Amino acid sequence: MRIRLLAAGTRMPDWVDAGYGAYAARLPHECRLELKEIALGRRSRGSDPTRAVLGEGERMLAAVGSSDRIIALDVAGRSLDTQQLARRLDGWMQDGRDLALLVGGPDGLAAACLQQAEFRWSLSPLTLPHGLVRIVVAEQLYRAWSLLRGHPYHRE
């Protein structure tokens, strides 16, 4: 299974790229994680961010594979503990479809992205910096995979 992390925003600080890369590299081929950065829409002083969000959503959905299961990262989504995420990951891997995890920009995800999502996942009720979300998602996926495989990374 391929997991595509489709994240709005480019030119992340080095610490984001290093943190994301460290965990993404640990995932095996059976559950590989790939990052696809989506260009942010243009924002200017006094402009309505709705147009920017719509453009980001269009580009994000265009990057989704035709049979991908879409998961929206959304603060209003469902929180999962490690065990719940591991069970979901196991089910997703058994299903055989690729995953597309959508991370919005500074003004959130487009309504079209939320509507097409099969699941909305909340990492926290806090608003997290978008670069940090990349790292947390990669680490949590690695943690869930390691739990499924009996690897000692996760400890209860």
Protein backbone atom coordinates (compact mmCIF):
# COMPACT_ATOMS: atom_id res chain seq x y z
CA MET A 1 0.00 0.00 0.00
CA ARG A 2 1.19 3.48 -0.80
CA ILE A 3 0.30 6.35 1.48
CA ARG A 4 0.45 9.77 -0.12
CA LEU A 5 0.63 12.71 2.25
CA LEU A 6 -0.77 15.56 0.17
CA ALA A 7 0.15 18.70 2.10
CA ALA A 8 -0.53 22.30 1.19
CA GLY A 9 2.61 24.36 1.37
CA THR A 10 6.16 24.23 0.09
CA ARG A 11 9.54 25.39 1.37
CA MET A 12 9.31 23.94 4.84
CA PRO A 13 12.14 24.59 7.32
CA ASP A 14 14.94 22.04 7.37
CA TRP A 15 13.78 20.62 10.72
CA VAL A 16 10.41 19.71 9.17
CA ASP A 17 12.01 17.92 6.22
CA ALA A 18 14.45 16.11 8.54
CA GLY A 19 11.76 15.02 11.00
CA TYR A 20 9.35 13.87 8.32
CA GLY A 21 12.11 12.08 6.41
CA ALA A 22 13.36 10.24 9.49
CA TYR A 23 10.00 8.55 10.08
CA ALA A 24 8.96 8.12 6.45
CA ALA A 25 12.23 6.28 5.77
CA ARG A 26 11.48 3.79 8.56
CA LEU A 27 8.25 2.61 6.98
CA PRO A 28 8.66 -0.50 4.81
CA HIS A 29 7.66 -0.87 1.18
CA GLU A 30 4.38 -2.54 2.20
CA CYS A 31 3.35 0.73 3.81
CA ARG A 32 5.47 3.37 2.10
CA LEU A 33 4.83 7.05 2.77
CA GLU A 34 5.31 9.65 0.06
CA LEU A 35 5.01 13.41 0.42
CA LYS A 36 3.45 15.50 -2.32
CA GLU A 37 3.53 19.21 -1.64
CA ILE A 38 0.65 21.24 -3.02
CA ALA A 39 1.28 24.88 -3.88
CA LEU A 40 -0.56 27.36 -1.73
CA GLY A 41 -3.10 29.63 -3.36
CA ARG A 42 -2.30 33.32 -3.64
CA ARG A 43 -3.19 35.39 -0.63
CA SER A 44 -2.88 39.12 -0.39
CA ARG A 45 -3.84 41.75 2.12
CA GLY A 46 -7.58 42.26 2.11
CA SER A 47 -8.33 39.36 -0.24
CA ASP A 48 -10.80 36.60 0.52
CA PRO A 49 -8.87 33.40 1.35
CA THR A 50 -11.77 31.31 -0.02
CA ARG A 51 -10.38 31.48 -3.55
CA ALA A 52 -6.96 30.34 -2.36
CA VAL A 53 -8.48 27.40 -0.44
CA LEU A 54 -10.58 26.38 -3.45
CA GLY A 55 -7.49 26.30 -5.68
CA GLU A 56 -5.53 24.32 -3.12
CA GLY A 57 -8.41 21.84 -2.87
CA GLU A 58 -8.57 21.42 -6.65
CA ARG A 59 -4.83 20.75 -6.87
CA MET A 60 -5.01 18.37 -3.91
CA LEU A 61 -7.88 16.34 -5.35
CA ALA A 62 -6.15 16.23 -8.75
CA ALA A 63 -3.17 14.55 -7.02
CA VAL A 64 -5.36 11.83 -5.49
CA GLY A 65 -5.29 8.47 -7.27
CA SER A 66 -8.55 7.30 -8.84
CA SER A 67 -9.05 4.49 -6.32
CA ASP A 68 -7.37 6.09 -3.29
CA ARG A 69 -9.08 6.14 0.08
CA ILE A 70 -9.16 9.82 1.08
CA ILE A 71 -8.46 10.73 4.69
CA ALA A 72 -8.76 14.41 5.65
CA LEU A 73 -6.66 15.73 8.50
CA ASP A 74 -9.17 17.96 10.22
CA VAL A 75 -9.22 19.45 13.72
CA ALA A 76 -12.96 18.65 13.85
CA GLY A 77 -12.34 15.02 12.83
CA ARG A 78 -12.16 11.93 14.99
CA SER A 79 -9.28 11.51 17.42
CA LEU A 80 -7.60 8.11 17.50
CA ASP A 81 -5.36 6.60 20.12
CA THR A 82 -2.40 4.49 19.02
CA GLN A 83 -4.28 1.19 19.23
CA GLN A 84 -7.20 2.56 17.19
CA LEU A 85 -4.86 3.94 14.55
CA ALA A 86 -3.03 0.61 14.35
CA ARG A 87 -6.34 -1.23 13.82
CA ARG A 88 -7.37 1.24 11.12
CA LEU A 89 -3.98 0.98 9.43
CA ASP A 90 -4.26 -2.80 9.47
CA GLY A 91 -7.70 -2.61 7.87
CA TRP A 92 -6.50 -0.15 5.26
CA MET A 93 -3.54 -2.38 4.42
CA GLN A 94 -5.83 -5.44 4.14
CA ASP A 95 -8.16 -3.49 1.85
CA GLY A 96 -5.31 -2.98 -0.61
CA ARG A 97 -6.27 0.53 -1.72
CA ASP A 98 -3.75 3.32 -1.54
CA LEU A 99 -4.33 6.15 0.93
CA ALA A 100 -4.35 9.88 0.32
CA LEU A 101 -3.96 11.90 3.51
CA LEU A 102 -4.95 15.53 2.92
CA VAL A 103 -3.44 18.36 4.97
CA GLY A 104 -4.79 21.84 4.29
CA GLY A 105 -3.04 25.16 4.25
CA PRO A 106 -3.28 28.10 6.66
CA ASP A 107 -7.01 28.47 6.06
CA GLY A 108 -7.84 24.76 6.19
CA LEU A 109 -9.06 22.23 3.67
CA ALA A 110 -11.48 23.00 0.88
CA ALA A 111 -15.04 21.83 1.42
CA ALA A 112 -14.67 19.51 -1.61
CA CYS A 113 -11.77 17.73 0.11
CA LEU A 114 -13.78 17.25 3.30
CA GLN A 115 -16.79 16.00 1.33
CA GLN A 116 -14.77 13.40 -0.58
CA ALA A 117 -12.98 12.13 2.51
CA GLU A 118 -13.99 8.69 3.75
CA PHE A 119 -12.64 9.58 7.18
CA ARG A 120 -11.67 12.76 9.00
CA TRP A 121 -8.75 12.32 11.37
CA SER A 122 -7.94 14.82 14.11
CA LEU A 123 -4.42 14.71 15.48
CA SER A 124 -5.32 17.09 18.30
CA PRO A 125 -7.89 19.70 19.26
CA LEU A 126 -4.97 22.14 19.09
CA THR A 127 -4.16 23.96 15.87
CA LEU A 128 -0.76 22.61 14.86
CA PRO A 129 1.78 24.21 12.52
CA HIS A 130 1.40 22.52 9.14
CA GLY A 131 5.02 21.43 9.03
CA LEU A 132 4.69 19.78 12.40
CA VAL A 133 1.61 17.90 11.16
CA ARG A 134 3.79 16.22 8.52
CA ILE A 135 6.15 14.94 11.22
CA VAL A 136 3.39 13.83 13.60
CA VAL A 137 1.55 11.95 10.83
CA ALA A 138 4.73 10.17 9.72
CA GLU A 139 5.66 9.25 13.29
CA GLN A 140 2.17 8.03 14.18
CA LEU A 141 1.96 5.89 11.04
CA TYR A 142 5.34 4.38 11.86
CA ARG A 143 4.24 3.79 15.46
CA ALA A 144 1.01 2.11 14.33
CA TRP A 145 2.87 -0.08 11.81
CA SER A 146 5.49 -1.05 14.41
CA LEU A 147 2.73 -2.02 16.85
CA LEU A 148 1.12 -4.24 14.21
CA ARG A 149 4.44 -5.96 13.51
CA GLY A 150 5.42 -6.46 17.17
CA HIS A 151 8.37 -4.09 16.81
CA PRO A 152 9.53 -2.71 20.19
CA TYR A 153 9.26 0.96 19.13
CA HIS A 154 5.84 1.35 20.77
CA ARG A 155 5.62 0.68 24.48
CA GLU A 156 2.44 0.52 26.50
